[in-house]
Each structure stands twice: as C-alpha cells, then as structure tokens.
Protein backbone atom coordinates (compact mmCIF):
# COMPACT_ATOMS: atom_id res chain seq x y z
CA GLU A 1 -55.47 -48.38 -19.61
CA GLY A 2 -52.37 -48.27 -21.08
CA ALA A 3 -50.36 -48.83 -17.53
CA HIS A 4 -48.15 -50.45 -16.73
CA VAL A 5 -47.57 -53.05 -14.10
CA GLU A 6 -44.29 -52.51 -12.34
CA ALA A 7 -44.65 -54.63 -9.15
CA ALA A 8 -47.71 -57.27 -8.11
CA LEU A 9 -48.43 -59.34 -5.09
CA VAL A 10 -51.14 -61.66 -4.97
CA ASP A 11 -52.66 -63.66 -1.71
CA ALA A 12 -52.14 -67.18 -1.31
CA LYS A 13 -55.45 -68.50 -2.21
CA GLY A 14 -55.59 -65.97 -5.48
CA ARG A 15 -58.61 -63.65 -4.29
CA ASN A 16 -56.84 -60.05 -3.64
CA ALA A 17 -53.74 -58.38 -5.20
CA ILE A 18 -52.12 -55.36 -5.41
CA ALA A 19 -49.66 -54.20 -7.87
CA ARG A 20 -47.93 -50.76 -8.76
CA LEU A 21 -48.25 -49.05 -12.02
CA ASP A 22 -46.07 -47.11 -13.35
CA GLY A 23 -46.71 -43.51 -12.74
CA GLY A 24 -46.81 -44.53 -9.15
CA LYS A 25 -50.28 -45.21 -9.18
CA LEU A 26 -51.65 -48.43 -7.31
CA LEU A 27 -54.08 -50.99 -8.48
CA ILE A 28 -56.02 -53.05 -6.38
CA ALA A 29 -57.89 -56.42 -7.30
CA ARG A 30 -60.39 -58.60 -5.48
CA VAL A 31 -62.63 -61.58 -6.22
CA MET A 32 -66.19 -60.34 -5.07
CA ALA A 33 -69.17 -62.46 -5.69
CA ASP A 34 -68.91 -64.42 -9.04
CA GLY A 35 -66.48 -61.15 -10.64
CA VAL A 36 -63.29 -59.11 -9.99
CA SER A 37 -63.63 -55.57 -8.59
CA ALA A 38 -60.42 -53.39 -9.26
CA ARG A 39 -59.64 -49.92 -8.41
CA VAL A 40 -56.54 -47.80 -9.66
CA LEU A 41 -55.78 -45.24 -7.57
CA ALA A 42 -53.07 -42.77 -6.25
CA PRO A 43 -51.29 -43.66 -2.97
CA ALA A 44 -52.24 -40.80 -0.83
CA GLN A 45 -56.16 -42.07 -1.55
CA ALA A 46 -55.20 -45.12 0.46
CA ARG A 47 -53.47 -45.73 3.53
CA VAL A 48 -51.48 -48.82 3.77
CA ARG A 49 -50.31 -50.22 7.00
CA LEU A 50 -47.86 -53.41 7.19
CA ALA A 51 -47.51 -55.11 10.57
CA ARG A 52 -47.12 -58.52 11.89
CA GLY A 53 -47.61 -60.39 8.48
CA GLN A 54 -50.57 -58.49 7.58
CA LEU A 55 -51.18 -56.10 4.88
CA SER A 56 -54.04 -53.84 4.99
CA VAL A 57 -54.90 -51.18 2.80
CA ALA A 58 -58.05 -48.41 3.78
CA PHE A 59 -59.71 -46.54 0.97
CA ALA A 60 -60.49 -42.55 0.92
CA ASP A 61 -63.91 -44.16 -0.65
CA LEU A 62 -65.85 -45.79 2.01
CA GLY A 63 -67.76 -47.20 -0.19
CA TYR A 64 -65.05 -49.62 -1.28
CA PRO A 65 -64.37 -52.36 1.62
CA SER A 66 -60.65 -52.64 2.85
CA LEU A 67 -57.97 -54.86 1.81
CA HIS A 68 -56.25 -57.50 4.05
CA MET A 69 -53.79 -60.17 3.20
CA ARG A 70 -51.41 -62.17 4.97
CA LEU A 71 -47.81 -61.98 4.10
CA GLU A 72 -44.61 -63.73 4.89
CA ASN A 73 -42.34 -61.10 3.57
CA PRO A 74 -43.50 -58.23 2.19
CA PRO A 75 -41.80 -56.62 -0.98
CA ALA A 76 -39.38 -53.81 -0.54
CA TRP A 77 -42.01 -52.05 -2.52
CA LEU A 78 -45.12 -52.34 -0.46
CA ALA A 79 -42.90 -51.94 2.58
CA GLU A 80 -42.13 -48.63 1.73
CA LEU A 81 -45.69 -47.40 0.76
CA GLY A 82 -46.63 -48.66 4.69
CA ALA A 83 -43.72 -46.58 5.87
CA HIS A 84 -45.07 -43.28 4.09
CA ALA A 85 -48.39 -44.03 4.76
C-alpha cells in the first residue's frame, strides 16, 4: 500500500512478474491456480540469479516457490540485483 513501481518485467506468457518498488523493495507476482499470488520483500530476502537468459529468484521463505523466467535482454536494474545477490 502506498508503494510506487519504479521498474517492472512481465514474462512472455503474462504469468510471472518482478518489479522494483520505490524504497528498494521487490514485488513478485505470479498466476497460481485461479488467482494471483504476490509478495513484497526486501532484496536481502531473495537470491536473484541471471544466467543464460534465465532469471531465478529463490526466497528466504521456503514455503513460497522460486520464480523462474526466461529473458532475452534483462534490464539493467534486474542485472544489478543478480550481481549483488
């Protein structure tokens, strides 16, 4: 509530998304069953990896499944998250 999206990326199928919010937090959203699941977290609560056109985000909360997205050209802000993970 009250956060603003600074940058966002949605996968080609429109089923997964990651966004950088003002204040440095991340928003992860994904289609799950017949709804949408969303998490807002600090970057330290996730391990972001970029390799060979694949984004992988693993969460400190083991009950929330990892996010995987194929990317052709990751934006600079996302590449920076992966570099600092």
